Amino acid sequence: MASQQVPTHEHRPIAVITGANRGIGLSLTNLYGQHGYKVYALCRTGSDALDAMQGHNLVVLKGIDVGAPSSLIDLASRISEPRIDILINNAGILRDEVLGRLNFSTIEDQLNTNALGPLRIVESLLTKLQDASKLAFITSRMGSIADNTSGGRYGYRMSKVALNMAAVSLSYDLAARHIPVGIYHPGLVGTEMIGGVGNVTPDEAAASIVERINELDMTKTGQFFHANGERLLW
């Protein structure tokens, strides 16, 4: 990203990022803002860190819950730009279930938020995606069937498999419009969602994801990548 030219005000590209109030989403918002993008930061609730970034490069849209269709009804009209250059579906939740006492409510919540939620966002903003726009999904290698060697995490794993499948379908449906779709595992990131334990920081993960999005074109659309550039198995 550092080698990228800072856009002029008149030609400032637009990035839309969900789950932007903390973790990877907050770091992505900060990075794109630093590099001259006008960022629409979507979140259910704000945060002090996100509010501190507000300025002419950042518009914070609160009350956006990807798991609640009613919160997305007027989303397109709240984004005043006619075109979105980069749409990053980052929002997600993580719960845990144990076989023998499965909580089907948390499984449904994760499927709704992690799989249906990003698809709702794309559907809501579809008319603002134009030729050469880029669409990115922050997923997880826990959604890889080939990589599942430990079991458990039923809702999270199932939701990420479904998200990956939706992203691949979108890569075919959007190909005629020359809109590439990136599918990215960020690594084990020390976010609040996993208790702060990880081998990369949110800032490090965001920087790697931005590199992958910079590289994203129609030759890489619909492929599953680690943020470090490694191609992942389905």
C-alpha atoms as a PDB file:
ATOM      1  CA  MET A   1       0.000   0.000   0.000  1.00  0.00           C
ATOM      2  CA  ALA A   2       2.896   2.358   0.718  1.00  0.00           C
ATOM      3  CA  SER A   3       3.809   2.504  -2.969  1.00  0.00           C
ATOM      4  CA  GLN A   4       0.311   3.571  -3.962  1.00  0.00           C
ATOM      5  CA  GLN A   5      -0.168   7.203  -4.982  1.00  0.00           C
ATOM      6  CA  VAL A   6      -2.347   9.305  -2.722  1.00  0.00           C
ATOM      7  CA  PRO A   7      -5.449  10.203  -4.730  1.00  0.00           C
ATOM      8  CA  THR A   8      -6.421  13.825  -5.258  1.00  0.00           C
ATOM      9  CA  HIS A   9      -9.547  15.130  -3.574  1.00  0.00           C
ATOM     10  CA  GLU A  10     -11.375  15.275  -6.919  1.00  0.00           C
ATOM     11  CA  HIS A  11     -10.628  11.628  -7.663  1.00  0.00           C
ATOM     12  CA  ARG A  12     -10.669  10.228  -4.157  1.00  0.00           C
ATOM     13  CA  PRO A  13     -11.719   6.558  -4.296  1.00  0.00           C
ATOM     14  CA  ILE A  14     -14.318   5.200  -1.929  1.00  0.00           C
ATOM     15  CA  ALA A  15     -13.908   2.273   0.473  1.00  0.00           C
ATOM     16  CA  VAL A  16     -16.752   0.780   2.507  1.00  0.00           C
ATOM     17  CA  ILE A  17     -15.808  -1.412   5.470  1.00  0.00           C
ATOM     18  CA  THR A  18     -18.151  -3.321   7.783  1.00  0.00           C
ATOM     19  CA  GLY A  19     -17.355  -4.056  11.414  1.00  0.00           C
ATOM     20  CA  ALA A  20     -15.172  -0.949  11.411  1.00  0.00           C
ATOM     21  CA  ASN A  21     -15.348  -0.002  15.077  1.00  0.00           C
ATOM     22  CA  ARG A  22     -12.656  -2.368  16.347  1.00  0.00           C
ATOM     23  CA  GLY A  23     -10.096  -5.022  15.459  1.00  0.00           C
ATOM     24  CA  ILE A  24      -9.185  -5.615  11.830  1.00  0.00           C
ATOM     25  CA  GLY A  25     -12.007  -3.398  10.600  1.00  0.00           C
ATOM     26  CA  LEU A  26     -10.721  -0.441  12.595  1.00  0.00           C
ATOM     27  CA  SER A  27      -7.182  -0.998  11.319  1.00  0.00           C
ATOM     28  CA  LEU A  28      -8.403  -1.264   7.710  1.00  0.00           C
ATOM     29  CA  THR A  29     -10.378   1.952   8.142  1.00  0.00           C
ATOM     30  CA  ASN A  30      -7.292   3.730   9.445  1.00  0.00           C
ATOM     31  CA  LEU A  31      -5.053   2.422   6.649  1.00  0.00           C
ATOM     32  CA  TYR A  32      -7.357   3.332   3.793  1.00  0.00           C
ATOM     33  CA  GLY A  33      -7.961   6.762   5.283  1.00  0.00           C
ATOM     34  CA  GLN A  34      -4.223   7.364   5.544  1.00  0.00           C
ATOM     35  CA  HIS A  35      -3.854   6.586   1.864  1.00  0.00           C
ATOM     36  CA  GLY A  36      -6.392   9.101   0.669  1.00  0.00           C
ATOM     37  CA  TYR A  37      -9.542   7.027   0.438  1.00  0.00           C
ATOM     38  CA  LYS A  38     -12.844   8.342   1.646  1.00  0.00           C
ATOM     39  CA  VAL A  39     -13.961   5.580   3.975  1.00  0.00           C
ATOM     40  CA  TYR A  40     -17.495   4.727   4.992  1.00  0.00           C
ATOM     41  CA  ALA A  41     -17.064   2.879   8.291  1.00  0.00           C
ATOM     42  CA  LEU A  42     -20.091   0.684   9.029  1.00  0.00           C
ATOM     43  CA  CYS A  43     -20.711  -0.614  12.538  1.00  0.00           C
ATOM     44  CA  ARG A  44     -23.452  -1.526  14.976  1.00  0.00           C
ATOM     45  CA  THR A  45     -22.054   0.807  17.626  1.00  0.00           C
ATOM     46  CA  GLY A  46     -19.169   3.225  17.486  1.00  0.00           C
ATOM     47  CA  SER A  47     -15.979   3.248  19.517  1.00  0.00           C
ATOM     48  CA  ASP A  48     -13.735   5.946  20.920  1.00  0.00           C
ATOM     49  CA  ALA A  49     -10.955   4.841  18.549  1.00  0.00           C
ATOM     50  CA  LEU A  50     -13.199   5.093  15.492  1.00  0.00           C
ATOM     51  CA  ASP A  51     -14.747   8.396  16.559  1.00  0.00           C
ATOM     52  CA  ALA A  52     -11.249   9.846  17.004  1.00  0.00           C
ATOM     53  CA  MET A  53     -10.546   9.214  13.303  1.00  0.00           C
ATOM     54  CA  GLN A  54     -13.546  11.149  12.009  1.00  0.00           C
ATOM     55  CA  GLY A  55     -12.745  13.838   9.504  1.00  0.00           C
ATOM     56  CA  HIS A  56     -13.217  14.683   5.853  1.00  0.00           C
ATOM     57  CA  ASN A  57     -11.840  11.243   4.857  1.00  0.00           C
ATOM     58  CA  LEU A  58     -14.169   9.259   7.121  1.00  0.00           C
ATOM     59  CA  VAL A  59     -17.922   8.856   7.459  1.00  0.00           C
ATOM     60  CA  VAL A  60     -19.077   6.643  10.333  1.00  0.00           C
ATOM     61  CA  LEU A  61     -22.433   4.940   9.796  1.00  0.00           C
ATOM     62  CA  LYS A  62     -23.681   3.506  13.084  1.00  0.00           C
ATOM     63  CA  GLY A  63     -26.629   1.201  13.597  1.00  0.00           C
ATOM     64  CA  ILE A  64     -25.542  -1.101  10.759  1.00  0.00           C
ATOM     65  CA  ASP A  65     -26.055  -4.673  11.930  1.00  0.00           C
ATOM     66  CA  VAL A  66     -25.383  -7.094   9.073  1.00  0.00           C
ATOM     67  CA  GLY A  67     -27.443  -9.681  10.927  1.00  0.00           C
ATOM     68  CA  ALA A  68     -30.517  -7.420  10.996  1.00  0.00           C
ATOM     69  CA  PRO A  69     -32.011  -6.788   7.540  1.00  0.00           C
ATOM     70  CA  SER A  70     -34.055  -3.848   8.842  1.00  0.00           C
ATOM     71  CA  SER A  71     -30.850  -1.894   9.564  1.00  0.00           C
ATOM     72  CA  LEU A  72     -29.807  -2.117   5.913  1.00  0.00           C
ATOM     73  CA  ILE A  73     -32.998  -0.866   4.244  1.00  0.00           C
ATOM     74  CA  ASP A  74     -31.656   2.629   3.569  1.00  0.00           C
ATOM     75  CA  LEU A  75     -27.945   1.763   3.482  1.00  0.00           C
ATOM     76  CA  ALA A  76     -27.407   2.661  -0.170  1.00  0.00           C
ATOM     77  CA  SER A  77     -28.946   6.104   0.336  1.00  0.00           C
ATOM     78  CA  ARG A  78     -26.718   6.735   3.375  1.00  0.00           C
ATOM     79  CA  ILE A  79     -23.681   6.341   1.118  1.00  0.00           C
ATOM     80  CA  SER A  80     -23.865   9.445  -1.023  1.00  0.00           C
ATOM     81  CA  GLU A  81     -21.251   8.340  -3.550  1.00  0.00           C
ATOM     82  CA  PRO A  82     -22.471   6.867  -6.861  1.00  0.00           C
ATOM     83  CA  ARG A  83     -19.587   4.380  -6.897  1.00  0.00           C
ATOM     84  CA  ILE A  84     -17.797   2.190  -4.339  1.00  0.00           C
ATOM     85  CA  ASP A  85     -14.243   1.255  -5.324  1.00  0.00           C
ATOM     86  CA  ILE A  86     -13.583  -1.254  -2.528  1.00  0.00           C
ATOM     87  CA  LEU A  87     -16.210  -3.019  -0.412  1.00  0.00           C
ATOM     88  CA  ILE A  88     -14.770  -5.045   2.468  1.00  0.00           C
ATOM     89  CA  ASN A  89     -17.104  -7.385   4.328  1.00  0.00           C
ATOM     90  CA  ASN A  90     -15.325  -7.751   7.644  1.00  0.00           C
ATOM     91  CA  ALA A  91     -18.070  -7.862  10.302  1.00  0.00           C
ATOM     92  CA  GLY A  92     -18.523 -11.192  12.041  1.00  0.00           C
ATOM     93  CA  ILE A  93     -19.093 -12.948  15.342  1.00  0.00           C
ATOM     94  CA  LEU A  94     -17.519 -15.968  17.030  1.00  0.00           C
ATOM     95  CA  ARG A  95     -19.252 -18.320  19.452  1.00  0.00           C
ATOM     96  CA  ASP A  96     -18.416 -21.817  20.632  1.00  0.00           C
ATOM     97  CA  GLU A  97     -20.454 -24.992  20.862  1.00  0.00           C
ATOM     98  CA  VAL A  98     -19.725 -28.384  22.376  1.00  0.00           C
ATOM     99  CA  LEU A  99     -21.073 -31.627  20.975  1.00  0.00           C
ATOM    100  CA  GLY A 100     -23.574 -33.144  23.380  1.00  0.00           C
ATOM    101  CA  ARG A 101     -24.846 -29.763  24.486  1.00  0.00           C
ATOM    102  CA  LEU A 102     -24.972 -27.874  21.198  1.00  0.00           C
ATOM    103  CA  ASN A 103     -26.474 -24.406  21.332  1.00  0.00           C
ATOM    104  CA  PHE A 104     -28.383 -24.167  18.073  1.00  0.00           C
ATOM    105  CA  SER A 105     -29.249 -20.555  18.771  1.00  0.00           C
ATOM    106  CA  THR A 106     -25.593 -19.491  18.611  1.00  0.00           C
ATOM    107  CA  ILE A 107     -25.097 -21.610  15.484  1.00  0.00           C
ATOM    108  CA  GLU A 108     -28.005 -19.808  13.814  1.00  0.00           C
ATOM    109  CA  ASP A 109     -26.688 -16.420  14.968  1.00  0.00           C
ATOM    110  CA  GLN A 110     -23.315 -17.087  13.357  1.00  0.00           C
ATOM    111  CA  LEU A 111     -24.851 -18.324  10.113  1.00  0.00           C
ATOM    112  CA  ASN A 112     -27.042 -15.229  10.005  1.00  0.00           C
ATOM    113  CA  THR A 113     -24.267 -12.728  10.751  1.00  0.00           C
ATOM    114  CA  ASN A 114     -21.213 -14.336   9.154  1.00  0.00           C
ATOM    115  CA  ALA A 115     -22.760 -15.831   6.010  1.00  0.00           C
ATOM    116  CA  LEU A 116     -26.045 -14.078   5.259  1.00  0.00           C
ATOM    117  CA  GLY A 117     -24.861 -10.714   6.580  1.00  0.00           C
ATOM    118  CA  PRO A 118     -22.140 -10.091   3.978  1.00  0.00           C
ATOM    119  CA  LEU A 119     -24.494 -11.231   1.219  1.00  0.00           C
ATOM    120  CA  ARG A 120     -27.078  -8.725   2.461  1.00  0.00           C
ATOM    121  CA  ILE A 121     -24.462  -5.962   2.306  1.00  0.00           C
ATOM    122  CA  VAL A 122     -23.535  -6.840  -1.273  1.00  0.00           C
ATOM    123  CA  GLU A 123     -27.174  -6.985  -2.325  1.00  0.00           C
ATOM    124  CA  SER A 124     -27.856  -3.619  -0.670  1.00  0.00           C
ATOM    125  CA  LEU A 125     -24.924  -1.920  -2.396  1.00  0.00           C
ATOM    126  CA  LEU A 126     -24.911  -3.809  -5.705  1.00  0.00           C
ATOM    127  CA  THR A 127     -25.805  -0.790  -7.825  1.00  0.00           C
ATOM    128  CA  LYS A 128     -22.796   1.108  -6.443  1.00  0.00           C
ATOM    129  CA  LEU A 129     -20.351  -1.596  -7.545  1.00  0.00           C
ATOM    130  CA  GLN A 130     -19.156  -0.761 -11.040  1.00  0.00           C
ATOM    131  CA  ASP A 131     -16.535  -2.021 -13.475  1.00  0.00           C
ATOM    132  CA  ALA A 132     -13.199  -2.498 -11.680  1.00  0.00           C
ATOM    133  CA  SER A 133     -14.694  -2.114  -8.212  1.00  0.00           C
ATOM    134  CA  LYS A 134     -13.282  -4.696  -5.804  1.00  0.00           C
ATOM    135  CA  LEU A 135     -15.208  -6.882  -3.378  1.00  0.00           C
ATOM    136  CA  ALA A 136     -13.428  -8.503  -0.423  1.00  0.00           C
ATOM    137  CA  PHE A 137     -14.533 -10.933   2.271  1.00  0.00           C
ATOM    138  CA  ILE A 138     -12.691 -11.484   5.541  1.00  0.00           C
ATOM    139  CA  THR A 139     -13.297 -15.154   6.218  1.00  0.00           C
ATOM    140  CA  SER A 140     -11.298 -17.811   8.083  1.00  0.00           C
ATOM    141  CA  ARG A 141      -9.381 -20.967   7.335  1.00  0.00           C
ATOM    142  CA  MET A 142     -11.716 -22.488   9.936  1.00  0.00           C
ATOM    143  CA  GLY A 143     -14.107 -22.502   6.996  1.00  0.00           C
ATOM    144  CA  SER A 144     -11.783 -24.848   5.097  1.00  0.00           C
ATOM    145  CA  ILE A 145     -13.073 -28.422   5.075  1.00  0.00           C
ATOM    146  CA  ALA A 146      -9.645 -29.772   4.093  1.00  0.00           C
ATOM    147  CA  ASP A 147      -8.001 -27.846   6.942  1.00  0.00           C
ATOM    148  CA  ASN A 148     -10.387 -29.025   9.667  1.00  0.00           C
ATOM    149  CA  THR A 149      -8.284 -31.378  11.772  1.00  0.00           C
ATOM    150  CA  SER A 150      -9.664 -30.532  15.218  1.00  0.00           C
ATOM    151  CA  GLY A 151     -13.480 -30.392  14.965  1.00  0.00           C
ATOM    152  CA  GLY A 152     -15.622 -28.207  17.208  1.00  0.00           C
ATOM    153  CA  ARG A 153     -16.653 -24.594  16.620  1.00  0.00           C
ATOM    154  CA  TYR A 154     -19.677 -25.843  14.692  1.00  0.00           C
ATOM    155  CA  GLY A 155     -21.433 -22.551  14.090  1.00  0.00           C
ATOM    156  CA  TYR A 156     -18.329 -20.590  13.192  1.00  0.00           C
ATOM    157  CA  ARG A 157     -16.938 -23.248  10.849  1.00  0.00           C
ATOM    158  CA  MET A 158     -20.291 -23.768   9.131  1.00  0.00           C
ATOM    159  CA  SER A 159     -20.859 -20.028   8.720  1.00  0.00           C
ATOM    160  CA  LYS A 160     -17.452 -19.475   7.135  1.00  0.00           C
ATOM    161  CA  VAL A 161     -17.907 -22.389   4.713  1.00  0.00           C
ATOM    162  CA  ALA A 162     -21.203 -20.805   3.671  1.00  0.00           C
ATOM    163  CA  LEU A 163     -19.549 -17.395   3.328  1.00  0.00           C
ATOM    164  CA  ASN A 164     -16.808 -18.845   1.143  1.00  0.00           C
ATOM    165  CA  MET A 165     -19.379 -20.485  -1.103  1.00  0.00           C
ATOM    166  CA  ALA A 166     -21.346 -17.245  -1.427  1.00  0.00           C
ATOM    167  CA  ALA A 167     -18.161 -15.369  -2.325  1.00  0.00           C
ATOM    168  CA  VAL A 168     -17.282 -17.862  -5.054  1.00  0.00           C
ATOM    169  CA  SER A 169     -20.794 -17.594  -6.500  1.00  0.00           C
ATOM    170  CA  LEU A 170     -20.447 -13.813  -6.489  1.00  0.00           C
ATOM    171  CA  SER A 171     -17.124 -14.099  -8.315  1.00  0.00           C
ATOM    172  CA  TYR A 172     -18.931 -15.806 -11.207  1.00  0.00           C
ATOM    173  CA  ASP A 173     -22.006 -13.590 -11.149  1.00  0.00           C
ATOM    174  CA  LEU A 174     -19.913 -10.395 -11.130  1.00  0.00           C
ATOM    175  CA  ALA A 175     -17.314 -11.522 -13.675  1.00  0.00           C
ATOM    176  CA  ALA A 176     -19.129  -9.949 -16.630  1.00  0.00           C
ATOM    177  CA  ARG A 177     -18.944  -6.619 -14.807  1.00  0.00           C
ATOM    178  CA  HIS A 178     -15.199  -7.059 -14.200  1.00  0.00           C
ATOM    179  CA  ILE A 179     -15.607  -6.949 -10.413  1.00  0.00           C
ATOM    180  CA  PRO A 180     -13.066  -9.282  -8.767  1.00  0.00           C
ATOM    181  CA  VAL A 181     -13.881 -10.989  -5.466  1.00  0.00           C
ATOM    182  CA  GLY A 182     -11.192 -11.608  -2.834  1.00  0.00           C
ATOM    183  CA  ILE A 183     -11.604 -14.199  -0.063  1.00  0.00           C
ATOM    184  CA  TYR A 184      -9.091 -13.727   2.763  1.00  0.00           C
ATOM    185  CA  HIS A 185      -8.085 -15.466   5.976  1.00  0.00           C
ATOM    186  CA  PRO A 186      -6.405 -12.761   8.092  1.00  0.00           C
ATOM    187  CA  GLY A 187      -4.298 -15.098  10.216  1.00  0.00           C
ATOM    188  CA  LEU A 188      -4.631 -15.670  13.954  1.00  0.00           C
ATOM    189  CA  VAL A 189      -5.219 -12.058  14.908  1.00  0.00           C
ATOM    190  CA  GLY A 190      -5.085 -10.838  18.494  1.00  0.00           C
ATOM    191  CA  THR A 191      -8.491  -9.168  18.516  1.00  0.00           C
ATOM    192  CA  GLU A 192     -11.042  -8.760  21.275  1.00  0.00           C
ATOM    193  CA  MET A 193     -13.171 -11.422  19.553  1.00  0.00           C
ATOM    194  CA  ILE A 194     -10.642 -14.145  20.444  1.00  0.00           C
ATOM    195  CA  GLY A 195      -9.496 -12.647  23.717  1.00  0.00           C
ATOM    196  CA  GLY A 196      -6.478 -10.802  22.364  1.00  0.00           C
ATOM    197  CA  VAL A 197      -4.461 -13.981  21.752  1.00  0.00           C
ATOM    198  CA  GLY A 198      -2.867 -14.205  18.317  1.00  0.00           C
ATOM    199  CA  ASN A 199       0.374 -14.227  16.354  1.00  0.00           C
ATOM    200  CA  VAL A 200      -0.337 -11.018  14.410  1.00  0.00           C
ATOM    201  CA  THR A 201      -1.818  -7.705  15.478  1.00  0.00           C
ATOM    202  CA  PRO A 202      -4.883  -6.183  13.825  1.00  0.00           C
ATOM    203  CA  ASP A 203      -2.640  -3.562  12.209  1.00  0.00           C
ATOM    204  CA  GLU A 204      -0.333  -6.235  10.787  1.00  0.00           C
ATOM    205  CA  ALA A 205      -3.264  -8.287   9.499  1.00  0.00           C
ATOM    206  CA  ALA A 206      -4.860  -5.216   7.935  1.00  0.00           C
ATOM    207  CA  ALA A 207      -1.632  -4.255   6.162  1.00  0.00           C
ATOM    208  CA  SER A 208      -1.375  -7.746   4.654  1.00  0.00           C
ATOM    209  CA  ILE A 209      -5.025  -7.742   3.591  1.00  0.00           C
ATOM    210  CA  VAL A 210      -4.550  -4.377   1.888  1.00  0.00           C
ATOM    211  CA  GLU A 211      -1.623  -5.872  -0.051  1.00  0.00           C
ATOM    212  CA  ARG A 212      -3.825  -8.735  -1.191  1.00  0.00           C
ATOM    213  CA  ILE A 213      -6.611  -6.350  -2.230  1.00  0.00           C
ATOM    214  CA  ASN A 214      -4.071  -4.246  -4.152  1.00  0.00           C
ATOM    215  CA  GLU A 215      -3.122  -7.421  -6.070  1.00  0.00           C
ATOM    216  CA  LEU A 216      -6.736  -8.492  -6.611  1.00  0.00           C
ATOM    217  CA  ASP A 217      -7.800  -8.673 -10.238  1.00  0.00           C
ATOM    218  CA  MET A 218      -9.863 -10.978 -12.421  1.00  0.00           C
ATOM    219  CA  THR A 219      -7.073 -13.594 -12.491  1.00  0.00           C
ATOM    220  CA  LYS A 220      -7.424 -14.018  -8.704  1.00  0.00           C
ATOM    221  CA  THR A 221     -11.164 -13.634  -8.332  1.00  0.00           C
ATOM    222  CA  GLY A 222     -12.966 -16.280  -6.293  1.00  0.00           C
ATOM    223  CA  GLN A 223      -9.762 -17.724  -4.813  1.00  0.00           C
ATOM    224  CA  PHE A 224      -9.091 -18.358  -1.117  1.00  0.00           C
ATOM    225  CA  PHE A 225      -5.944 -16.723   0.241  1.00  0.00           C
ATOM    226  CA  HIS A 226      -4.170 -16.337   3.542  1.00  0.00           C
ATOM    227  CA  ALA A 227      -3.354 -12.678   4.198  1.00  0.00           C
ATOM    228  CA  ASN A 228       0.317 -13.629   3.753  1.00  0.00           C
ATOM    229  CA  GLY A 229      -0.355 -14.545   0.123  1.00  0.00           C
ATOM    230  CA  GLU A 230      -0.558 -18.331   0.542  1.00  0.00           C
ATOM    231  CA  ARG A 231      -3.319 -20.036  -1.468  1.00  0.00           C
ATOM    232  CA  LEU A 232      -5.568 -21.987   0.893  1.00  0.00           C
ATOM    233  CA  LEU A 233      -7.461 -25.240   0.415  1.00  0.00           C
ATOM    234  CA  TRP A 234     -11.247 -25.361   0.431  1.00  0.00           C
END
